[in-house]
N, C-alpha and C. Protein backbone atom coordinates (compact mmCIF):
# COMPACT_ATOMS: atom_id res chain seq x y z
N UNK A 1 96.16 108.38 96.51
CA UNK A 1 97.41 108.84 96.58
C UNK A 1 97.72 110.35 96.35
N UNK A 2 98.17 111.18 97.10
CA UNK A 2 98.39 112.70 96.79
C UNK A 2 99.12 113.15 95.94
N UNK A 3 98.61 114.33 95.11
CA UNK A 3 99.63 114.57 94.31
C UNK A 3 100.62 115.07 94.48
N UNK A 4 101.71 114.86 93.75
CA UNK A 4 103.14 115.28 94.24
C UNK A 4 103.44 117.10 93.56
N UNK A 5 103.71 117.99 94.14
CA UNK A 5 103.92 119.33 93.37
C UNK A 5 105.06 119.03 92.55
N UNK A 6 104.90 120.10 91.67
CA UNK A 6 106.27 120.16 90.90
C UNK A 6 107.47 120.34 91.55
N UNK A 7 108.80 119.68 91.36
CA UNK A 7 109.95 120.04 91.94
C UNK A 7 110.65 121.08 91.37
N UNK A 8 110.84 122.33 91.94
CA UNK A 8 111.06 123.36 91.26
C UNK A 8 112.66 123.68 91.79
N UNK A 9 113.33 122.82 92.66
CA UNK A 9 114.75 123.33 93.00
C UNK A 9 115.65 122.79 91.74
N UNK A 10 116.90 123.60 92.10
CA UNK A 10 117.97 123.14 91.25
C UNK A 10 118.50 122.07 91.58
N UNK A 11 119.27 121.12 90.66
CA UNK A 11 119.86 120.12 91.09
C UNK A 11 121.19 120.08 90.24
N UNK A 12 122.11 119.38 91.26
CA UNK A 12 123.52 119.16 90.82
C UNK A 12 123.97 117.70 90.87
N UNK A 13 125.09 117.31 90.89
CA UNK A 13 125.66 115.95 91.07
C UNK A 13 125.68 115.73 92.55
N UNK A 14 125.45 114.25 92.49
CA UNK A 14 125.58 113.70 94.19
C UNK A 14 124.31 114.07 94.64
N UNK A 15 123.28 114.05 94.09
CA UNK A 15 122.03 114.47 94.85
C UNK A 15 122.03 115.87 95.51
N UNK A 16 122.74 116.74 94.93
CA UNK A 16 122.51 118.14 95.64
C UNK A 16 121.32 118.66 94.90
N UNK A 17 120.82 119.50 95.78
CA UNK A 17 119.43 120.25 95.46
C UNK A 17 119.74 121.56 96.14
N UNK A 18 118.97 122.71 95.30
CA UNK A 18 119.01 124.18 96.17
C UNK A 18 117.74 125.10 95.60
N UNK A 19 117.21 125.69 96.50
CA UNK A 19 116.14 126.46 96.03
C UNK A 19 116.71 128.04 95.77
N UNK A 20 118.05 128.17 95.67
CA UNK A 20 118.64 129.30 95.48
C UNK A 20 119.23 129.66 93.89
N UNK A 21 119.09 130.81 93.36
CA UNK A 21 119.72 131.29 92.28
C UNK A 21 119.87 132.59 92.00
N UNK A 22 120.73 133.12 91.07
CA UNK A 22 120.92 134.41 90.87
C UNK A 22 120.17 134.80 89.62
N UNK A 23 119.59 135.99 89.67
CA UNK A 23 118.86 136.75 88.48
C UNK A 23 119.98 137.65 87.91
N UNK A 24 120.14 137.82 86.55
CA UNK A 24 121.09 139.10 85.96
C UNK A 24 120.03 139.49 85.22
N UNK A 25 120.07 141.22 85.25
CA UNK A 25 119.24 141.72 84.27
C UNK A 25 120.22 142.85 83.31
N UNK A 26 120.25 142.78 82.16
CA UNK A 26 121.17 143.69 81.40
C UNK A 26 120.04 144.93 80.65
N UNK A 27 120.34 146.24 81.10
CA UNK A 27 119.67 147.26 80.58
C UNK A 27 120.53 148.24 79.81
N UNK A 28 120.18 148.67 78.57
CA UNK A 28 121.31 149.83 77.92
C UNK A 28 120.44 150.69 77.58
N UNK A 29 121.20 151.87 77.41
CA UNK A 29 120.71 153.04 77.13
C UNK A 29 121.74 153.80 76.18
N UNK A 30 121.14 154.75 75.44
CA UNK A 30 122.10 155.58 74.55
C UNK A 30 121.67 156.99 74.80
N UNK A 31 122.62 157.88 74.49
CA UNK A 31 122.29 159.45 74.41
C UNK A 31 123.04 160.04 75.69
N UNK A 32 123.93 159.40 76.07
CA UNK A 32 124.87 159.52 77.31
C UNK A 32 126.41 160.32 76.57
N UNK A 33 126.61 161.42 77.03
CA UNK A 33 128.02 162.20 76.60
C UNK A 33 128.92 161.56 77.44
N UNK A 34 128.61 161.43 78.71
CA UNK A 34 129.69 160.82 79.74
C UNK A 34 129.06 159.92 80.62
N UNK A 35 129.89 158.88 81.12
CA UNK A 35 129.53 157.93 81.94
C UNK A 35 129.64 158.04 83.33
N UNK A 36 130.48 159.27 83.53
CA UNK A 36 130.82 159.69 84.91
C UNK A 36 129.50 159.28 86.14
N UNK A 37 128.41 160.19 85.91
CA UNK A 37 127.43 160.28 86.59
C UNK A 37 126.62 159.12 86.69
N UNK A 38 126.27 158.22 85.59
CA UNK A 38 125.66 156.97 85.63
C UNK A 38 126.64 156.14 86.80
N UNK A 39 127.94 156.12 86.45
CA UNK A 39 128.70 154.93 87.20
C UNK A 39 128.72 155.45 88.65
N UNK A 40 128.60 156.68 89.13
CA UNK A 40 128.50 157.09 90.63
C UNK A 40 126.91 156.76 91.01
N UNK A 41 126.19 157.03 90.24
CA UNK A 41 124.64 156.84 90.98
C UNK A 41 124.81 155.06 91.03
N UNK A 42 125.26 154.49 90.17
CA UNK A 42 125.33 152.93 90.21
C UNK A 42 125.78 152.43 91.70
N UNK A 43 127.19 153.38 91.77
CA UNK A 43 128.05 152.72 92.93
C UNK A 43 127.14 152.90 94.25
N UNK A 44 126.56 154.18 94.26
CA UNK A 44 125.88 154.63 95.58
C UNK A 44 124.60 153.87 95.93
N UNK A 45 123.94 152.91 94.57
CA UNK A 45 122.65 152.47 94.79
C UNK A 45 122.63 151.13 95.52
N UNK A 46 123.96 150.83 95.95
CA UNK A 46 124.01 149.53 96.60
C UNK A 46 123.62 148.27 95.70
N UNK A 47 123.55 148.39 94.50
CA UNK A 47 123.33 147.06 93.67
C UNK A 47 124.50 146.82 93.20
N UNK A 48 124.49 145.44 92.90
CA UNK A 48 125.82 144.53 92.66
C UNK A 48 125.68 144.33 90.86
N UNK A 49 126.77 144.78 90.44
CA UNK A 49 126.69 144.52 88.56
C UNK A 49 127.97 145.28 88.11
N UNK A 50 127.59 145.51 86.90
CA UNK A 50 128.57 146.00 86.10
C UNK A 50 128.06 147.34 85.19
N UNK A 51 128.88 148.33 84.65
CA UNK A 51 128.51 149.25 83.60
C UNK A 51 129.47 149.30 82.47
N UNK A 52 128.91 148.88 81.56
CA UNK A 52 129.55 148.62 80.28
C UNK A 52 129.41 149.99 79.39
N UNK A 53 130.94 150.28 78.85
CA UNK A 53 130.51 151.30 77.85
C UNK A 53 130.22 150.42 76.48
N UNK A 54 129.27 150.73 75.62
CA UNK A 54 128.84 150.31 74.39
C UNK A 54 129.88 150.67 73.26
N UNK A 55 130.44 149.36 72.84
CA UNK A 55 131.28 149.51 71.68
C UNK A 55 130.65 149.91 70.52
N UNK A 56 129.59 149.68 70.08
CA UNK A 56 128.98 149.88 68.90
C UNK A 56 128.27 151.13 68.88
N UNK A 57 128.06 151.93 70.06
CA UNK A 57 127.37 153.18 69.84
C UNK A 57 128.40 154.16 70.84
N UNK A 58 128.80 155.31 70.38
CA UNK A 58 129.90 156.28 71.45
C UNK A 58 128.94 156.91 72.37
N UNK A 59 127.69 156.57 72.27
CA UNK A 59 126.75 157.55 73.52
C UNK A 59 125.92 156.39 74.09
N UNK A 60 126.32 155.09 73.88
CA UNK A 60 125.62 154.17 74.59
C UNK A 60 126.05 153.33 75.97
N UNK A 61 125.45 152.81 76.75
CA UNK A 61 126.32 152.03 77.61
C UNK A 61 124.97 150.96 78.16
N UNK A 62 125.34 150.19 79.21
CA UNK A 62 124.50 149.25 79.69
C UNK A 62 125.00 148.87 81.10
N UNK A 63 123.86 148.54 81.82
CA UNK A 63 123.85 148.25 83.15
C UNK A 63 123.54 146.83 83.38
N UNK A 64 124.36 145.97 84.02
CA UNK A 64 124.18 144.52 84.49
C UNK A 64 123.98 144.41 85.56
N UNK A 65 122.60 144.14 86.27
CA UNK A 65 122.53 144.07 87.55
C UNK A 65 122.23 142.75 88.02
N UNK A 66 122.68 142.47 89.24
CA UNK A 66 123.03 140.93 89.68
C UNK A 66 122.06 140.88 91.18
N UNK A 67 121.28 140.04 91.40
CA UNK A 67 120.78 139.82 92.49
C UNK A 67 120.01 138.48 92.84
N UNK A 68 120.21 138.07 94.03
CA UNK A 68 119.61 136.69 94.25
C UNK A 68 118.06 136.92 94.37
N UNK A 69 117.41 138.22 94.63
CA UNK A 69 116.21 138.29 95.04
C UNK A 69 115.69 139.21 93.60
N UNK A 70 114.82 138.73 92.93
CA UNK A 70 114.44 139.25 91.76
C UNK A 70 113.41 140.55 91.96
N UNK A 71 112.93 140.69 93.18
CA UNK A 71 112.61 142.18 93.72
C UNK A 71 113.11 143.08 93.54
N UNK A 72 114.59 142.92 93.49
CA UNK A 72 115.56 144.12 93.36
C UNK A 72 115.29 144.79 92.08
N UNK A 73 114.61 144.07 91.12
CA UNK A 73 114.54 145.12 89.56
C UNK A 73 113.37 145.80 89.70
N UNK A 74 112.29 145.65 90.64
CA UNK A 74 111.25 146.57 90.63
C UNK A 74 111.34 147.28 92.17
N UNK A 75 112.64 147.22 92.72
CA UNK A 75 112.76 147.90 94.10
C UNK A 75 114.03 148.80 93.64
N UNK A 76 115.16 148.84 94.33
CA UNK A 76 116.47 149.78 93.93
C UNK A 76 116.59 149.71 92.54
N UNK A 77 116.57 148.81 91.82
CA UNK A 77 116.90 149.12 90.40
C UNK A 77 116.02 150.13 89.72
N UNK A 78 114.94 149.96 89.98
CA UNK A 78 113.65 150.60 89.35
C UNK A 78 113.91 152.07 89.85
N UNK A 79 114.17 152.27 91.07
CA UNK A 79 114.34 153.59 91.74
C UNK A 79 115.51 154.40 91.22
N UNK A 80 116.70 153.31 90.78
CA UNK A 80 117.85 153.93 90.21
C UNK A 80 117.64 154.51 88.84
N UNK A 81 117.06 153.61 87.99
CA UNK A 81 116.69 153.86 86.72
C UNK A 81 115.64 154.89 86.24
N UNK A 82 114.96 155.40 87.29
CA UNK A 82 113.62 156.27 87.28
C UNK A 82 114.35 157.78 87.63
N UNK A 83 115.54 157.45 87.86
CA UNK A 83 115.99 159.01 88.31
C UNK A 83 117.24 159.37 87.58
N UNK A 84 117.81 160.43 87.91
CA UNK A 84 119.19 161.05 87.03
C UNK A 84 120.08 160.08 86.88
N UNK A 85 121.13 160.07 85.98
CA UNK A 85 120.76 160.61 84.70
C UNK A 85 119.93 159.96 83.68
N UNK A 86 119.46 158.63 84.03
CA UNK A 86 118.72 157.67 83.43
C UNK A 86 117.44 158.21 82.75
N UNK A 87 116.62 158.75 83.79
CA UNK A 87 115.45 159.34 83.02
C UNK A 87 115.67 160.38 81.80
N UNK A 88 116.62 160.76 81.64
CA UNK A 88 116.79 161.68 80.43
C UNK A 88 117.40 160.91 79.09
N UNK A 89 117.81 159.68 79.33
CA UNK A 89 118.44 158.88 78.19
C UNK A 89 117.47 158.20 77.50
N UNK A 90 117.76 157.58 76.30
CA UNK A 90 116.86 156.57 75.66
C UNK A 90 117.14 155.26 76.10
N UNK A 91 116.37 154.58 76.39
CA UNK A 91 116.36 153.07 76.83
C UNK A 91 116.44 152.21 75.71
N UNK A 92 117.33 151.35 75.45
CA UNK A 92 117.48 150.38 74.32
C UNK A 92 116.66 149.06 74.70
N UNK A 93 115.10 149.02 74.37
CA UNK A 93 114.39 147.87 74.96
C UNK A 93 114.82 146.89 74.31
N UNK A 94 115.43 146.71 72.95
CA UNK A 94 115.73 145.54 72.12
C UNK A 94 116.87 144.83 72.61
N UNK A 95 117.55 145.52 73.60
CA UNK A 95 118.86 145.14 74.35
C UNK A 95 118.43 144.64 75.69
N UNK A 96 117.45 144.72 76.43
CA UNK A 96 117.01 144.31 77.68
C UNK A 96 116.96 142.77 77.70
N UNK A 97 117.90 142.14 78.40
CA UNK A 97 117.77 140.74 78.90
C UNK A 97 117.87 140.68 80.36
N UNK A 98 116.96 139.50 80.65
CA UNK A 98 117.08 138.89 81.82
C UNK A 98 116.73 137.39 82.26
N UNK A 99 117.67 136.87 82.95
CA UNK A 99 117.72 135.57 83.16
C UNK A 99 118.09 135.15 84.56
N UNK A 100 118.07 133.76 84.78
CA UNK A 100 118.38 133.19 85.83
C UNK A 100 119.27 132.06 85.86
N UNK A 101 120.22 132.02 86.83
CA UNK A 101 121.17 130.70 86.86
C UNK A 101 120.34 129.31 87.13
N UNK A 102 120.79 128.40 86.55
CA UNK A 102 120.18 127.19 86.71
C UNK A 102 121.08 126.01 86.80
N UNK A 103 120.56 124.80 87.47
CA UNK A 103 121.62 123.60 87.51
C UNK A 103 121.36 122.48 86.20
N UNK A 104 122.44 121.83 85.89
CA UNK A 104 122.15 121.09 84.82
C UNK A 104 122.12 119.65 85.35
N UNK A 105 122.17 119.41 86.89
CA UNK A 105 122.15 118.07 87.41
C UNK A 105 123.61 117.36 87.52
N UNK A 106 124.63 118.24 87.01
CA UNK A 106 125.74 117.48 86.63
C UNK A 106 127.06 118.22 87.78
N UNK A 107 126.71 119.44 88.64
CA UNK A 107 127.57 120.46 88.97
C UNK A 107 128.04 119.54 90.53
N UNK A 108 129.38 119.46 90.48
CA UNK A 108 129.86 118.83 91.38
C UNK A 108 129.69 119.77 92.87
N UNK A 109 129.67 121.12 92.63
CA UNK A 109 129.25 122.15 93.79
C UNK A 109 128.27 123.07 93.43
N UNK A 110 126.87 122.62 93.61
CA UNK A 110 125.99 123.41 92.99
C UNK A 110 125.89 124.57 93.29
N UNK A 111 125.71 125.00 94.46
CA UNK A 111 125.60 126.47 94.97
C UNK A 111 126.73 127.33 94.50
N UNK A 112 127.78 126.84 94.51
CA UNK A 112 128.94 127.59 93.77
C UNK A 112 128.72 127.87 92.39
N UNK A 113 127.99 126.77 91.38
CA UNK A 113 127.74 126.93 90.18
C UNK A 113 126.65 128.18 90.04
N UNK A 114 125.77 128.21 90.99
CA UNK A 114 124.56 128.83 90.85
C UNK A 114 124.74 130.25 91.46
N UNK A 115 125.52 130.40 92.65
CA UNK A 115 125.76 131.91 93.08
C UNK A 115 126.97 132.42 92.93
N UNK A 116 127.71 131.81 93.05
CA UNK A 116 129.24 132.46 93.32
C UNK A 116 130.15 132.33 91.79
N UNK A 117 130.26 131.46 90.95
CA UNK A 117 130.91 131.48 89.86
C UNK A 117 130.29 132.37 88.84
N UNK A 118 128.91 132.60 88.81
CA UNK A 118 128.56 133.66 87.55
C UNK A 118 128.95 135.16 88.24
N UNK A 119 129.18 135.28 89.48
CA UNK A 119 129.42 136.46 90.06
C UNK A 119 131.11 136.72 89.64
N UNK A 120 131.79 135.62 89.93
CA UNK A 120 133.14 135.91 89.77
C UNK A 120 133.67 135.89 88.31
N UNK A 121 132.70 135.37 87.32
CA UNK A 121 133.00 135.51 85.87
C UNK A 121 132.63 137.10 85.66
N UNK A 122 131.32 137.55 85.97
CA UNK A 122 130.98 138.84 85.58
C UNK A 122 131.54 140.03 86.24
N UNK A 123 132.25 139.91 87.46
CA UNK A 123 132.59 140.82 88.13
C UNK A 123 134.34 140.94 88.25
N UNK A 124 134.89 139.94 87.42
CA UNK A 124 136.53 139.73 87.31
C UNK A 124 136.97 140.92 86.82
N UNK A 125 137.71 141.74 87.43
CA UNK A 125 138.30 142.82 86.95
C UNK A 125 139.38 142.64 85.53
N UNK A 126 139.74 141.31 85.59
CA UNK A 126 140.86 141.00 84.69
C UNK A 126 140.11 140.60 83.21
N UNK A 127 138.59 140.58 83.34
CA UNK A 127 138.03 140.24 82.17
C UNK A 127 137.05 141.38 81.87
N UNK A 128 137.58 142.51 81.43
CA UNK A 128 136.50 143.66 81.19
C UNK A 128 135.65 143.50 79.92
N UNK A 129 135.89 142.67 79.01
CA UNK A 129 135.17 142.79 77.65
C UNK A 129 134.07 141.72 77.70
N UNK A 130 133.03 142.17 77.16
CA UNK A 130 131.77 141.47 77.37
C UNK A 130 131.03 141.50 76.01
N UNK A 131 130.40 140.18 75.66
CA UNK A 131 129.37 140.22 74.67
C UNK A 131 128.17 139.40 75.32
N UNK A 132 126.78 139.95 75.36
CA UNK A 132 125.86 139.66 75.98
C UNK A 132 124.52 139.57 74.65
N UNK A 133 124.06 138.23 74.75
CA UNK A 133 122.93 137.89 73.68
C UNK A 133 122.04 136.76 74.19
N UNK A 134 120.90 136.95 73.99
CA UNK A 134 119.63 135.92 74.03
C UNK A 134 119.70 134.81 72.83
N UNK A 135 119.46 133.70 73.12
CA UNK A 135 118.96 132.76 72.06
C UNK A 135 117.96 131.66 72.26
N UNK A 136 117.31 131.38 71.14
CA UNK A 136 116.19 130.26 71.12
C UNK A 136 116.52 129.15 70.64
N UNK A 137 116.22 128.11 70.80
CA UNK A 137 116.42 126.74 70.04
C UNK A 137 115.20 126.49 69.31
N UNK A 138 115.05 125.72 68.13
CA UNK A 138 113.88 125.39 67.57
C UNK A 138 113.26 124.44 68.50
N UNK A 139 111.73 124.51 68.50
CA UNK A 139 110.86 123.84 69.36
C UNK A 139 111.21 122.28 69.42
N UNK A 140 111.68 121.77 68.26
CA UNK A 140 111.52 120.09 68.28
C UNK A 140 112.84 119.99 69.17
N UNK A 141 113.78 120.68 69.27
CA UNK A 141 114.86 120.14 70.01
C UNK A 141 114.44 119.40 71.53
N UNK A 142 113.63 120.18 72.06
CA UNK A 142 113.08 119.76 73.48
C UNK A 142 112.38 118.41 73.12
N UNK A 143 112.14 117.93 72.17
CA UNK A 143 111.52 116.56 72.05
C UNK A 143 112.49 115.36 71.66
N UNK A 144 113.67 115.79 71.39
CA UNK A 144 114.92 114.89 71.05
C UNK A 144 115.06 113.92 72.41
N UNK A 145 115.34 112.66 72.11
CA UNK A 145 115.77 111.99 73.48
C UNK A 145 117.01 112.61 74.06
N UNK A 146 116.82 112.44 75.55
CA UNK A 146 117.94 113.08 76.26
C UNK A 146 119.46 112.82 75.73
N UNK A 147 119.53 111.27 75.45
CA UNK A 147 120.93 110.96 75.03
C UNK A 147 121.29 111.87 73.57
N UNK A 148 120.48 112.01 72.75
CA UNK A 148 120.71 112.96 71.67
C UNK A 148 121.10 114.11 71.82
N UNK A 149 120.33 114.78 72.83
CA UNK A 149 120.43 116.05 73.38
C UNK A 149 121.87 116.43 73.90
N UNK A 150 122.11 115.42 74.89
CA UNK A 150 123.39 115.26 75.52
C UNK A 150 124.70 115.43 74.52
N UNK A 151 124.50 114.59 73.39
CA UNK A 151 125.61 114.47 72.39
C UNK A 151 125.81 115.87 71.69
N UNK A 152 124.67 116.53 71.36
CA UNK A 152 124.66 117.66 70.86
C UNK A 152 125.28 118.89 71.59
N UNK A 153 124.58 118.82 72.87
CA UNK A 153 125.22 119.86 73.78
C UNK A 153 126.92 119.66 74.26
N UNK A 154 127.18 118.54 74.08
CA UNK A 154 128.49 118.14 74.60
C UNK A 154 129.48 118.95 73.41
N UNK A 155 129.27 118.77 72.29
CA UNK A 155 130.21 119.00 71.35
C UNK A 155 130.25 120.93 71.52
N UNK A 156 129.09 121.30 71.57
CA UNK A 156 129.18 122.91 71.94
C UNK A 156 129.89 123.20 73.23
N UNK A 157 129.64 122.10 74.27
CA UNK A 157 130.24 122.62 75.47
C UNK A 157 131.76 122.85 75.33
N UNK A 158 132.48 121.58 74.90
CA UNK A 158 133.62 121.49 74.59
C UNK A 158 134.62 122.66 74.28
N UNK A 159 133.85 123.28 73.09
CA UNK A 159 134.57 124.48 72.63
C UNK A 159 134.70 125.46 73.55
N UNK A 160 133.60 125.60 74.67
CA UNK A 160 133.75 126.48 75.54
C UNK A 160 134.75 126.16 76.63
N UNK A 161 134.62 124.79 76.88
CA UNK A 161 135.98 124.45 78.09
C UNK A 161 137.36 124.80 77.43
N UNK A 162 137.57 124.52 76.18
CA UNK A 162 138.77 124.82 75.73
C UNK A 162 139.27 126.30 75.71
N UNK A 163 138.22 127.16 75.31
CA UNK A 163 138.38 128.52 75.36
C UNK A 163 138.45 129.14 76.80
N UNK A 164 137.87 128.42 77.94
CA UNK A 164 137.93 128.67 79.10
C UNK A 164 139.53 128.28 79.58
N UNK A 165 140.02 127.31 79.58
CA UNK A 165 141.38 126.87 79.95
C UNK A 165 142.11 127.74 79.46
N UNK A 166 142.21 128.14 78.24
CA UNK A 166 143.24 129.03 77.68
C UNK A 166 143.08 130.55 78.20
N UNK A 167 141.79 130.88 79.12
CA UNK A 167 141.77 132.23 79.51
C UNK A 167 141.32 133.26 78.25
N UNK A 168 140.99 132.53 77.17
CA UNK A 168 140.41 133.33 76.08
C UNK A 168 138.97 133.78 76.39
N UNK A 169 138.06 132.93 77.10
CA UNK A 169 136.73 133.26 77.10
C UNK A 169 135.98 132.60 77.98
N UNK A 170 135.20 133.18 78.88
CA UNK A 170 134.39 132.31 79.96
C UNK A 170 132.98 132.86 79.91
N UNK A 171 131.92 132.03 80.36
CA UNK A 171 130.83 132.20 80.00
C UNK A 171 129.65 132.25 81.21
N UNK A 172 128.73 133.07 80.90
CA UNK A 172 127.49 133.00 82.18
C UNK A 172 126.31 132.81 81.32
N UNK A 173 125.63 131.33 82.06
CA UNK A 173 124.68 131.04 81.11
C UNK A 173 123.46 131.21 81.91
N UNK A 174 122.37 131.76 81.45
CA UNK A 174 120.97 131.91 82.12
C UNK A 174 120.00 131.61 81.34
N UNK A 175 119.09 130.82 82.11
CA UNK A 175 117.84 130.63 81.53
C UNK A 175 116.84 131.85 81.50
N UNK A 176 115.96 131.86 80.49
CA UNK A 176 114.98 132.87 80.53
C UNK A 176 113.44 132.63 80.05
N UNK A 177 113.25 131.51 80.07
CA UNK A 177 112.00 130.86 79.90
C UNK A 177 110.82 131.72 80.51
N UNK A 178 110.08 132.29 79.84
CA UNK A 178 108.85 133.03 80.31
C UNK A 178 109.37 134.49 80.94
N UNK A 179 110.67 134.76 80.92
CA UNK A 179 110.95 135.94 81.26
C UNK A 179 111.39 137.27 80.10
N UNK A 180 111.69 136.37 78.94
CA UNK A 180 111.79 137.54 77.90
C UNK A 180 110.63 137.44 76.83
N UNK A 181 110.44 138.63 76.41
CA UNK A 181 109.58 139.62 75.87
C UNK A 181 109.37 139.00 74.44
N UNK A 182 110.72 138.33 74.15
CA UNK A 182 110.80 137.63 72.46
C UNK A 182 110.89 136.11 72.42
N UNK A 183 110.37 135.64 73.98
CA UNK A 183 110.31 134.28 73.95
C UNK A 183 111.57 133.46 73.79
N UNK A 184 112.70 134.15 73.91
CA UNK A 184 114.06 133.27 74.13
C UNK A 184 114.02 132.55 75.36
N UNK A 185 115.02 131.86 75.16
CA UNK A 185 115.00 130.71 76.28
C UNK A 185 116.53 130.79 77.02
N UNK A 186 117.52 131.45 76.48
CA UNK A 186 118.63 131.61 77.35
C UNK A 186 119.28 132.99 76.96
N UNK A 187 120.13 133.42 78.19
CA UNK A 187 120.72 134.59 77.91
C UNK A 187 122.14 134.17 77.85
N UNK A 188 123.24 134.49 77.13
CA UNK A 188 124.58 134.07 77.62
C UNK A 188 125.56 135.48 77.42
N UNK A 189 126.15 135.30 78.67
CA UNK A 189 127.37 136.52 78.76
C UNK A 189 128.65 135.73 78.42
N UNK A 190 129.46 136.36 77.44
CA UNK A 190 130.81 135.89 77.06
C UNK A 190 131.84 137.09 77.56
N UNK A 191 132.83 136.91 78.55
CA UNK A 191 133.41 137.87 78.97
C UNK A 191 134.85 137.37 78.83
N UNK A 192 135.90 138.33 78.76
CA UNK A 192 137.30 137.97 79.04
C UNK A 192 138.21 138.96 78.82
N UNK A 193 139.49 138.94 78.60
CA UNK A 193 140.61 139.89 78.67
C UNK A 193 140.60 140.78 77.28
N UNK A 194 140.46 140.17 76.21
CA UNK A 194 140.27 140.68 74.84
C UNK A 194 138.95 140.52 74.26
N UNK A 195 138.69 141.20 73.40
CA UNK A 195 137.21 141.17 72.54
C UNK A 195 137.61 140.11 71.53
N UNK A 196 138.61 139.76 70.83
CA UNK A 196 138.85 139.00 69.63
C UNK A 196 138.28 137.43 69.80
N UNK A 197 138.89 137.04 71.06
CA UNK A 197 138.28 135.68 71.44
C UNK A 197 137.04 135.74 71.47
N UNK A 198 136.26 136.53 72.00
CA UNK A 198 134.89 136.29 72.14
C UNK A 198 134.20 136.46 70.91
N UNK A 199 134.54 137.20 69.91
CA UNK A 199 134.20 136.97 68.63
C UNK A 199 134.50 135.73 67.82
N UNK A 200 135.50 135.27 68.37
CA UNK A 200 135.97 133.84 67.56
C UNK A 200 135.39 132.79 68.12
N UNK A 201 135.13 132.72 69.43
CA UNK A 201 134.14 131.80 69.97
C UNK A 201 132.48 131.57 69.38
N UNK A 202 131.92 132.67 69.18
CA UNK A 202 130.72 132.99 68.69
C UNK A 202 131.18 132.46 67.18
N UNK A 203 132.17 132.60 66.40
CA UNK A 203 132.44 131.87 65.03
C UNK A 203 132.42 130.44 65.06
N UNK A 204 133.20 129.95 65.95
CA UNK A 204 133.59 128.68 65.91
C UNK A 204 132.33 127.89 66.56
N UNK A 205 131.51 128.49 67.27
CA UNK A 205 130.23 127.87 67.89
C UNK A 205 129.46 127.44 66.40
N UNK A 206 129.40 128.43 65.50
CA UNK A 206 128.30 128.20 64.63
C UNK A 206 128.73 126.90 63.77
N UNK A 207 129.80 126.32 64.06
CA UNK A 207 129.98 124.96 63.29
C UNK A 207 129.62 123.81 63.79
N UNK A 208 129.08 123.80 65.04
CA UNK A 208 128.42 123.00 65.98
C UNK A 208 127.07 122.49 65.50
N UNK A 209 126.79 121.32 65.78
CA UNK A 209 125.21 120.95 65.39
C UNK A 209 124.31 121.79 65.96
N UNK A 210 124.59 121.86 67.37
CA UNK A 210 123.38 122.86 68.20
C UNK A 210 123.38 124.08 67.16
N UNK A 211 124.26 124.83 66.81
CA UNK A 211 123.93 126.20 66.26
C UNK A 211 123.83 125.93 65.15
N UNK A 212 124.13 125.10 64.12
CA UNK A 212 123.80 124.84 62.80
C UNK A 212 122.30 124.61 62.37
N UNK A 213 122.18 123.57 63.36
CA UNK A 213 120.79 122.79 62.96
C UNK A 213 119.65 123.11 64.07
N UNK A 214 120.04 123.79 65.14
CA UNK A 214 119.12 123.92 66.29
C UNK A 214 118.90 125.08 66.87
N UNK A 215 119.33 126.05 66.39
CA UNK A 215 119.28 127.49 67.05
C UNK A 215 118.36 128.28 66.12
N UNK A 216 117.19 128.69 66.69
CA UNK A 216 116.27 129.22 65.83
C UNK A 216 116.67 130.83 65.66
N UNK A 217 116.82 131.29 66.78
CA UNK A 217 117.36 132.91 66.82
C UNK A 217 118.26 133.02 67.47
N UNK A 218 119.09 134.09 67.34
CA UNK A 218 120.39 134.41 67.79
C UNK A 218 120.43 135.77 68.08
N UNK A 219 120.81 136.43 69.24
CA UNK A 219 120.76 138.01 69.23
C UNK A 219 119.46 138.68 69.76
N UNK A 220 119.56 140.14 69.59
CA UNK A 220 120.66 140.73 69.33
C UNK A 220 121.74 140.97 70.48
N UNK A 221 123.04 141.48 69.71
CA UNK A 221 124.28 141.21 70.94
C UNK A 221 124.41 142.66 71.23
N UNK A 222 124.72 142.70 72.45
CA UNK A 222 125.58 143.83 73.03
C UNK A 222 126.94 143.70 73.35
N UNK A 223 127.91 144.51 72.82
CA UNK A 223 129.33 144.42 72.98
C UNK A 223 129.67 145.49 73.77
N UNK A 224 130.39 145.38 74.85
CA UNK A 224 130.91 146.15 75.77
C UNK A 224 131.99 146.18 76.56
N UNK A 225 132.69 147.38 77.16
CA UNK A 225 133.94 146.97 78.10
C UNK A 225 133.44 147.54 79.27
N UNK A 226 133.87 146.85 80.37
CA UNK A 226 133.48 147.39 81.73
C UNK A 226 134.13 148.60 81.97
N UNK A 227 133.26 149.62 82.54
CA UNK A 227 134.02 150.91 83.13
C UNK A 227 133.72 150.86 84.72
N UNK A 228 133.00 150.01 85.10
CA UNK A 228 132.93 149.74 86.57
C UNK A 228 132.34 148.39 86.96
N UNK A 229 133.13 147.70 87.71
CA UNK A 229 132.47 146.46 88.31
C UNK A 229 132.48 146.49 89.95
N UNK A 230 131.34 145.94 90.36
CA UNK A 230 131.55 145.60 91.72
C UNK A 230 132.25 145.05 92.12
N UNK A 231 132.88 145.14 93.49
CA UNK A 231 133.90 144.35 94.09
C UNK A 231 133.56 142.94 94.06
N UNK A 232 134.54 141.79 93.71
CA UNK A 232 134.33 140.37 93.67
C UNK A 232 133.96 139.97 94.92
N UNK A 233 132.97 139.11 95.47
CA UNK A 233 132.54 138.70 96.70
C UNK A 233 133.48 137.91 97.22
N UNK A 234 133.77 137.95 98.34
CA UNK A 234 134.94 137.22 99.23
C UNK A 234 134.02 135.70 99.53
């Protein structure tokens, strides 16, 4: 009997599958007295994404680059960041984050969840505030029975659903297995109209079993406000 190759597709509900996904990368810098040049360079690069002013660093900012093709990060994005004004600035390597969208097996519209919704979330002009951070669970979590994992994750998810319904906070969830220099597993982006709810949802999540018992590392956190967002896809 021939060997069956690994199934690398993303899977959603009702037997949906797709071999498409989005990649998102956050690159942070400091040393910029003005963001005008960085914004104009980003806009003219043809890349899709967001420029954030860093709340915690008066000379800091970050670029979120969004692409279905990861080659963009060693192509147009590399060309952009190796030129003016970025080459003259200090890159915050500790705040670099890279992840990919993924299917959970439950999405009613899989490709919408993989490709459209993350863009709509990150690029929504009504949600300029953002908190981005990586996380890693304790290794033993992966050995728990699926039903126990599901119960733990459901408690966590319900908080996010309630915040989303109230338009307080919306999330972008990315897997970063093997993509993160610190061996993190996920990158989370929280965005919204105001900063306070983004802080509160992190606080409320601390009470869940997943965070209290199963998270090994969380952060570092990048906190910013969008000064430029690519137009929403139609």
